[in-house]
């Protein structure tokens, strides 16, 4: 059972959830005209890093088939 807590599949789910949370936060901040631009840029960079991590993990779990 402890094995499942640290599995790549679970990590992928956690990263996707965090990415979705950041999407929501960015959307809400973008609507707020008083939002801090620096904070918004940092959130967007964090979201991009998460997307990269998700892509790498997806490739590890399901490598492309050879041609």
N, C-alpha and C. Protein backbone atom coordinates (compact mmCIF):
# COMPACT_ATOMS: atom_id res chain seq x y z
N UNK A 1 0.83 -1.19 0.00
CA UNK A 1 0.00 0.00 0.00
C UNK A 1 0.87 1.25 0.00
N UNK A 2 1.93 1.26 0.80
CA UNK A 2 2.83 2.40 0.85
C UNK A 2 3.45 2.65 -0.52
N UNK A 3 3.59 1.57 -1.29
CA UNK A 3 4.13 1.65 -2.63
C UNK A 3 3.27 2.56 -3.52
N UNK A 4 1.96 2.50 -3.36
CA UNK A 4 1.04 3.31 -4.16
C UNK A 4 1.15 4.80 -3.85
N UNK A 5 1.57 5.14 -2.64
CA UNK A 5 1.68 6.54 -2.25
C UNK A 5 2.79 7.25 -3.01
N UNK A 6 3.75 6.49 -3.50
CA UNK A 6 4.90 7.08 -4.17
C UNK A 6 5.02 6.63 -5.62
N UNK A 7 3.95 6.11 -6.17
CA UNK A 7 4.00 5.61 -7.54
C UNK A 7 4.01 6.77 -8.54
N UNK A 8 4.59 6.53 -9.68
CA UNK A 8 4.59 7.57 -10.72
C UNK A 8 3.17 7.97 -11.14
N UNK A 9 2.26 7.01 -11.14
CA UNK A 9 0.88 7.32 -11.51
C UNK A 9 0.25 8.29 -10.52
N UNK A 10 0.51 8.07 -9.24
CA UNK A 10 -0.02 8.98 -8.22
C UNK A 10 0.61 10.36 -8.35
N UNK A 11 1.89 10.41 -8.61
CA UNK A 11 2.58 11.69 -8.79
C UNK A 11 1.98 12.45 -9.98
N UNK A 12 1.67 11.71 -11.05
CA UNK A 12 1.07 12.32 -12.22
C UNK A 12 -0.29 12.94 -11.87
N UNK A 13 -1.07 12.24 -11.11
CA UNK A 13 -2.38 12.75 -10.68
C UNK A 13 -2.20 14.02 -9.84
N UNK A 14 -1.24 13.99 -8.92
CA UNK A 14 -1.00 15.15 -8.07
C UNK A 14 -0.56 16.37 -8.90
N UNK A 15 0.31 16.13 -9.88
CA UNK A 15 0.78 17.23 -10.73
C UNK A 15 -0.38 17.80 -11.55
N UNK A 16 -1.23 16.93 -12.06
CA UNK A 16 -2.39 17.40 -12.84
C UNK A 16 -3.35 18.21 -11.98
N UNK A 17 -3.53 17.78 -10.74
CA UNK A 17 -4.41 18.53 -9.83
C UNK A 17 -3.81 19.91 -9.53
N UNK A 18 -2.51 19.94 -9.27
CA UNK A 18 -1.86 21.22 -8.99
C UNK A 18 -1.93 22.14 -10.22
N UNK A 19 -1.76 21.57 -11.40
CA UNK A 19 -1.85 22.35 -12.64
C UNK A 19 -3.25 22.93 -12.79
N UNK A 20 -4.27 22.14 -12.52
CA UNK A 20 -5.66 22.62 -12.62
C UNK A 20 -5.92 23.72 -11.60
N UNK A 21 -5.39 23.56 -10.40
CA UNK A 21 -5.54 24.60 -9.37
C UNK A 21 -4.88 25.91 -9.82
N UNK A 22 -3.70 25.80 -10.41
CA UNK A 22 -3.02 27.00 -10.91
C UNK A 22 -3.80 27.64 -12.06
N UNK A 23 -4.35 26.83 -12.94
CA UNK A 23 -5.20 27.36 -14.02
C UNK A 23 -6.32 28.21 -13.44
N UNK A 24 -6.98 27.67 -12.45
CA UNK A 24 -8.09 28.38 -11.82
C UNK A 24 -7.62 29.67 -11.17
N UNK A 25 -6.52 29.60 -10.44
CA UNK A 25 -5.98 30.78 -9.76
C UNK A 25 -5.56 31.85 -10.77
N UNK A 26 -4.92 31.44 -11.84
CA UNK A 26 -4.49 32.38 -12.88
C UNK A 26 -5.71 33.04 -13.53
N UNK A 27 -6.72 32.23 -13.82
CA UNK A 27 -7.94 32.79 -14.43
C UNK A 27 -8.59 33.82 -13.52
N UNK A 28 -8.68 33.51 -12.24
CA UNK A 28 -9.29 34.45 -11.30
C UNK A 28 -8.47 35.73 -11.18
N UNK A 29 -7.15 35.59 -11.14
CA UNK A 29 -6.28 36.77 -11.03
C UNK A 29 -6.29 37.60 -12.31
N UNK A 30 -6.43 36.95 -13.44
CA UNK A 30 -6.46 37.67 -14.71
C UNK A 30 -7.71 38.56 -14.80
N UNK A 31 -8.79 38.12 -14.17
CA UNK A 31 -10.02 38.90 -14.18
C UNK A 31 -9.94 40.11 -13.24
N UNK A 32 -9.06 40.02 -12.26
CA UNK A 32 -8.89 41.09 -11.28
C UNK A 32 -7.92 42.12 -11.85
N UNK A 33 -8.42 43.29 -12.18
CA UNK A 33 -7.59 44.31 -12.81
C UNK A 33 -6.52 44.86 -11.85
N UNK A 34 -6.68 44.60 -10.59
CA UNK A 34 -5.70 45.06 -9.61
C UNK A 34 -4.66 43.99 -9.29
N UNK A 35 -4.73 42.87 -10.01
CA UNK A 35 -3.82 41.75 -9.75
C UNK A 35 -2.38 42.19 -9.98
N UNK A 36 -1.50 41.67 -9.17
CA UNK A 36 -0.07 41.95 -9.27
C UNK A 36 0.49 41.20 -10.48
N UNK A 37 1.03 41.94 -11.44
CA UNK A 37 1.57 41.34 -12.67
C UNK A 37 2.71 40.37 -12.38
N UNK A 38 3.56 40.72 -11.43
CA UNK A 38 4.68 39.85 -11.10
C UNK A 38 4.18 38.51 -10.55
N UNK A 39 3.20 38.57 -9.69
CA UNK A 39 2.62 37.34 -9.14
C UNK A 39 2.00 36.51 -10.26
N UNK A 40 1.30 37.16 -11.15
CA UNK A 40 0.67 36.46 -12.27
C UNK A 40 1.72 35.79 -13.16
N UNK A 41 2.80 36.48 -13.44
CA UNK A 41 3.88 35.89 -14.25
C UNK A 41 4.51 34.69 -13.55
N UNK A 42 4.69 34.80 -12.24
CA UNK A 42 5.27 33.69 -11.48
C UNK A 42 4.34 32.48 -11.50
N UNK A 43 3.06 32.72 -11.37
CA UNK A 43 2.09 31.62 -11.42
C UNK A 43 2.11 30.94 -12.79
N UNK A 44 2.21 31.73 -13.82
CA UNK A 44 2.24 31.17 -15.18
C UNK A 44 3.51 30.36 -15.42
N UNK A 45 4.64 30.83 -14.90
CA UNK A 45 5.89 30.08 -15.03
C UNK A 45 5.80 28.76 -14.27
N UNK A 46 5.20 28.82 -13.09
CA UNK A 46 5.03 27.60 -12.29
C UNK A 46 4.14 26.61 -13.04
N UNK A 47 3.10 27.12 -13.68
CA UNK A 47 2.19 26.26 -14.44
C UNK A 47 2.93 25.62 -15.61
N UNK A 48 3.80 26.38 -16.29
CA UNK A 48 4.58 25.81 -17.38
C UNK A 48 5.54 24.72 -16.91
N UNK A 49 6.18 24.96 -15.76
CA UNK A 49 7.07 23.93 -15.20
C UNK A 49 6.29 22.67 -14.87
N UNK A 50 5.10 22.84 -14.31
CA UNK A 50 4.27 21.67 -14.01
C UNK A 50 3.90 20.92 -15.28
N UNK A 51 3.54 21.67 -16.32
CA UNK A 51 3.18 21.05 -17.60
C UNK A 51 4.35 20.24 -18.15
N UNK A 52 5.56 20.78 -18.03
CA UNK A 52 6.76 20.05 -18.47
C UNK A 52 6.96 18.78 -17.65
N UNK A 53 6.78 18.88 -16.34
CA UNK A 53 6.92 17.70 -15.48
C UNK A 53 5.88 16.65 -15.85
N UNK A 54 4.66 17.09 -16.09
CA UNK A 54 3.58 16.17 -16.46
C UNK A 54 3.93 15.47 -17.78
N UNK A 55 4.41 16.22 -18.75
CA UNK A 55 4.77 15.65 -20.05
C UNK A 55 5.88 14.61 -19.92
N UNK A 56 6.91 14.94 -19.13
CA UNK A 56 8.01 13.99 -18.93
C UNK A 56 7.52 12.72 -18.26
N UNK A 57 6.70 12.87 -17.25
CA UNK A 57 6.19 11.71 -16.52
C UNK A 57 5.28 10.86 -17.42
N UNK A 58 4.45 11.51 -18.22
CA UNK A 58 3.60 10.77 -19.15
C UNK A 58 4.44 9.98 -20.14
N UNK A 59 5.53 10.56 -20.61
CA UNK A 59 6.41 9.87 -21.54
C UNK A 59 7.09 8.67 -20.87
N UNK A 60 7.47 8.83 -19.62
CA UNK A 60 8.09 7.72 -18.88
C UNK A 60 7.09 6.58 -18.70
N UNK A 61 5.85 6.92 -18.39
CA UNK A 61 4.85 5.90 -18.12
C UNK A 61 4.33 5.24 -19.39
N UNK A 62 4.32 5.99 -20.48
CA UNK A 62 3.80 5.47 -21.75
C UNK A 62 4.72 5.92 -22.87
N UNK A 63 5.88 5.26 -23.00
CA UNK A 63 6.84 5.70 -24.02
C UNK A 63 6.26 5.55 -25.42
N UNK A 64 6.68 6.41 -26.34
CA UNK A 64 6.18 6.32 -27.72
C UNK A 64 6.60 5.00 -28.36
N UNK A 65 5.74 4.50 -29.22
CA UNK A 65 6.05 3.25 -29.90
C UNK A 65 7.04 3.51 -31.01
N UNK A 66 7.98 2.58 -31.21
CA UNK A 66 8.94 2.76 -32.31
C UNK A 66 8.24 2.70 -33.66
N UNK A 67 8.77 3.43 -34.62
CA UNK A 67 8.16 3.47 -35.95
C UNK A 67 8.39 2.20 -36.72
